[in-house]
Amino acid sequence: MSFFNPVSLNKQFEVRGSAGSIDNYISRTQPTGFTAHKTSNYNYIFLSDLSLGTLLKNGRPPAINGIQTKVIVTPVNKNAAVVTFKTKLRFELILTFCLWIIITLFQLAGKQPIPVWITAVLFPGILIFFFLLYRIQEHVLQSKVEQYLKLYNGNPAKNS
């Protein structure tokens, strides 16, 4: 897992127990600090209850996604499964980057010059700030989800 990977934050680990029993555990055990939404068989979206920089609170699935991670449970054998976390590139970062390029082009070609500090300091600063803000929140969410899934510990009788 590379924290500074600009595209996504990915992580894998193994959990004791079958994929089906892990699926039941997620369905029956309410996590704290995030919510789980099943998207298909053994695929989930875990959404943070609080999401700074995306205007999301209380884990409600919004029109714009908050801080989330996709979780895929892959069966290895009847007693083990691999859990994969995946995040995606944030649309807000793409939008800010495109706006930065457009303003730079206007600055180079325009008659009304835009102050250089806007293109040289402000936009790179905004990009770095929001990248780190999102990435730290995604990392914290993935750590919480990992702890939640490791609590299962392959004992369906104990966790039912």
Protein backbone atom coordinates (compact mmCIF):
# COMPACT_ATOMS: atom_id res chain seq x y z
CA MET A 1 0.00 0.00 0.00
CA SER A 2 1.41 3.35 -1.00
CA PHE A 3 -0.02 6.27 0.96
CA PHE A 4 1.08 8.81 -1.67
CA ASN A 5 -0.25 6.89 -4.68
CA PRO A 6 -2.19 9.65 -6.48
CA VAL A 7 -4.77 7.31 -8.00
CA SER A 8 -6.00 5.00 -5.26
CA LEU A 9 -5.29 3.51 -1.87
CA ASN A 10 -5.31 -0.31 -2.06
CA LYS A 11 -4.72 -2.88 0.65
CA GLN A 12 -5.12 -6.65 1.08
CA PHE A 13 -5.15 -8.94 4.10
CA GLU A 14 -6.39 -12.40 5.00
CA VAL A 15 -9.22 -13.15 7.42
CA ARG A 16 -9.90 -16.55 8.98
CA GLY A 17 -13.34 -17.83 8.05
CA SER A 18 -15.28 -18.51 4.90
CA ALA A 19 -16.38 -15.66 2.64
CA GLY A 20 -20.01 -16.58 3.37
CA SER A 21 -19.55 -16.36 7.14
CA ILE A 22 -17.73 -13.03 6.78
CA ASP A 23 -20.65 -11.85 4.62
CA ASN A 24 -23.08 -12.85 7.41
CA TYR A 25 -20.91 -11.08 9.99
CA ILE A 26 -20.98 -7.84 7.99
CA SER A 27 -24.77 -8.13 7.52
CA ARG A 28 -25.48 -8.75 11.22
CA THR A 29 -22.86 -6.70 13.05
CA GLN A 30 -23.30 -2.92 12.95
CA PRO A 31 -19.93 -1.13 12.78
CA THR A 32 -19.20 2.14 14.57
CA GLY A 33 -17.75 5.14 12.76
CA PHE A 34 -18.81 3.94 9.32
CA THR A 35 -21.60 2.14 7.50
CA ALA A 36 -21.53 -0.88 5.20
CA HIS A 37 -23.58 -1.10 2.00
CA LYS A 38 -23.63 -4.38 0.08
CA THR A 39 -23.28 -3.79 -3.68
CA SER A 40 -23.16 -7.42 -4.85
CA ASN A 41 -22.06 -10.86 -3.71
CA TYR A 42 -19.06 -10.34 -1.38
CA ASN A 43 -18.66 -6.70 -2.51
CA TYR A 44 -19.31 -3.75 -0.22
CA ILE A 45 -18.92 -0.03 0.01
CA PHE A 46 -17.89 1.17 3.46
CA LEU A 47 -18.73 4.83 3.95
CA SER A 48 -17.29 6.98 6.73
CA ASP A 49 -19.81 8.67 9.03
CA LEU A 50 -17.85 11.91 8.95
CA SER A 51 -16.18 13.16 5.82
CA LEU A 52 -14.26 16.44 5.89
CA GLY A 53 -13.97 18.24 2.59
CA THR A 54 -16.95 16.48 1.00
CA LEU A 55 -19.80 17.97 3.05
CA LEU A 56 -21.05 14.59 4.25
CA LYS A 57 -22.14 13.69 7.76
CA ASN A 58 -23.71 10.62 9.39
CA GLY A 59 -22.87 8.16 6.62
CA ARG A 60 -25.87 8.88 4.41
CA PRO A 61 -25.17 7.85 0.84
CA PRO A 62 -25.16 11.21 -0.95
CA ALA A 63 -25.28 12.25 -4.58
CA ILE A 64 -21.55 12.93 -4.18
CA ASN A 65 -19.65 10.14 -2.49
CA GLY A 66 -17.98 10.92 0.78
CA ILE A 67 -14.94 9.15 2.12
CA GLN A 68 -15.42 5.53 1.17
CA THR A 69 -13.59 2.35 0.38
CA LYS A 70 -14.70 -0.56 -1.75
CA VAL A 71 -14.29 -3.90 0.02
CA ILE A 72 -14.07 -7.17 -1.89
CA VAL A 73 -14.09 -10.48 -0.01
CA THR A 74 -12.50 -13.25 -2.08
CA PRO A 75 -12.73 -16.86 -0.88
CA VAL A 76 -9.36 -18.62 -0.65
CA ASN A 77 -10.62 -21.88 0.83
CA LYS A 78 -13.38 -22.92 3.27
CA ASN A 79 -11.48 -21.46 6.24
CA ALA A 80 -9.98 -18.28 4.81
CA ALA A 81 -10.77 -15.28 2.65
CA VAL A 82 -8.76 -12.38 1.29
CA VAL A 83 -10.16 -8.91 1.87
CA THR A 84 -9.19 -6.22 -0.64
CA PHE A 85 -9.71 -2.50 -0.04
CA LYS A 86 -9.82 -0.11 -2.98
CA THR A 87 -10.38 3.62 -3.22
CA LYS A 88 -10.68 5.69 -6.34
CA LEU A 89 -9.34 9.01 -7.53
CA ARG A 90 -11.37 11.87 -6.12
CA PHE A 91 -13.40 13.88 -8.63
CA GLU A 92 -12.72 17.07 -6.65
CA LEU A 93 -8.98 16.71 -7.28
CA ILE A 94 -9.52 16.25 -11.02
CA LEU A 95 -11.80 19.30 -11.09
CA THR A 96 -9.28 21.47 -9.21
CA PHE A 97 -6.43 20.29 -11.44
CA CYS A 98 -8.44 21.11 -14.61
CA LEU A 99 -9.35 24.53 -13.21
CA TRP A 100 -5.66 25.14 -12.48
CA ILE A 101 -4.74 24.29 -16.11
CA ILE A 102 -7.51 26.57 -17.47
CA ILE A 103 -6.46 29.52 -15.30
CA THR A 104 -2.81 28.99 -16.29
CA LEU A 105 -3.79 29.06 -19.97
CA PHE A 106 -5.83 32.25 -19.43
CA GLN A 107 -2.88 33.74 -17.59
CA LEU A 108 -0.55 33.00 -20.50
CA ALA A 109 -2.92 34.13 -23.26
CA GLY A 110 -5.08 36.74 -21.56
CA LYS A 111 -4.87 40.50 -21.58
CA GLN A 112 -6.06 40.67 -17.99
CA PRO A 113 -3.21 38.94 -16.17
CA ILE A 114 -4.02 36.76 -13.21
CA PRO A 115 -1.56 37.14 -10.33
CA VAL A 116 1.22 34.58 -10.55
CA TRP A 117 0.82 33.54 -6.91
CA ILE A 118 -2.61 32.07 -7.77
CA THR A 119 -1.17 29.64 -10.31
CA ALA A 120 2.17 29.12 -8.60
CA VAL A 121 1.06 28.80 -4.96
CA LEU A 122 -2.71 28.72 -4.44
CA PHE A 123 -3.74 25.91 -6.78
CA PRO A 124 -0.84 23.56 -5.96
CA GLY A 125 -1.52 24.26 -2.27
CA ILE A 126 -5.22 23.45 -2.68
CA LEU A 127 -4.41 20.24 -4.55
CA ILE A 128 -1.92 19.09 -1.91
CA PHE A 129 -4.21 20.05 0.97
CA PHE A 130 -7.25 18.19 -0.36
CA PHE A 131 -5.18 15.20 -1.51
CA LEU A 132 -3.78 14.80 2.01
CA LEU A 133 -7.17 15.49 3.65
CA TYR A 134 -8.89 12.79 1.58
CA ARG A 135 -6.02 10.32 1.75
CA ILE A 136 -5.70 10.54 5.55
CA GLN A 137 -9.47 10.00 5.95
CA GLU A 138 -9.42 7.06 3.53
CA HIS A 139 -6.50 5.53 5.41
CA VAL A 140 -8.30 5.95 8.77
CA LEU A 141 -11.47 4.40 7.32
CA GLN A 142 -9.54 1.42 5.94
CA SER A 143 -7.86 0.93 9.33
CA LYS A 144 -11.26 0.96 11.09
CA VAL A 145 -12.74 -1.49 8.59
CA GLU A 146 -9.72 -3.77 8.94
CA GLN A 147 -10.09 -3.80 12.74
CA TYR A 148 -13.83 -4.46 12.38
CA LEU A 149 -13.23 -7.42 10.05
CA LYS A 150 -10.40 -8.83 12.14
CA LEU A 151 -12.79 -8.90 15.13
CA TYR A 152 -14.63 -11.65 13.27
CA ASN A 153 -11.61 -13.94 13.81
CA GLY A 154 -13.14 -16.95 12.03
CA ASN A 155 -15.51 -17.96 14.80
CA PRO A 156 -19.08 -17.72 13.49
CA ALA A 157 -20.62 -19.04 16.75
CA LYS A 158 -18.93 -16.30 18.78
CA ASN A 159 -19.82 -13.54 16.30
CA SER A 160 -23.46 -14.38 15.50
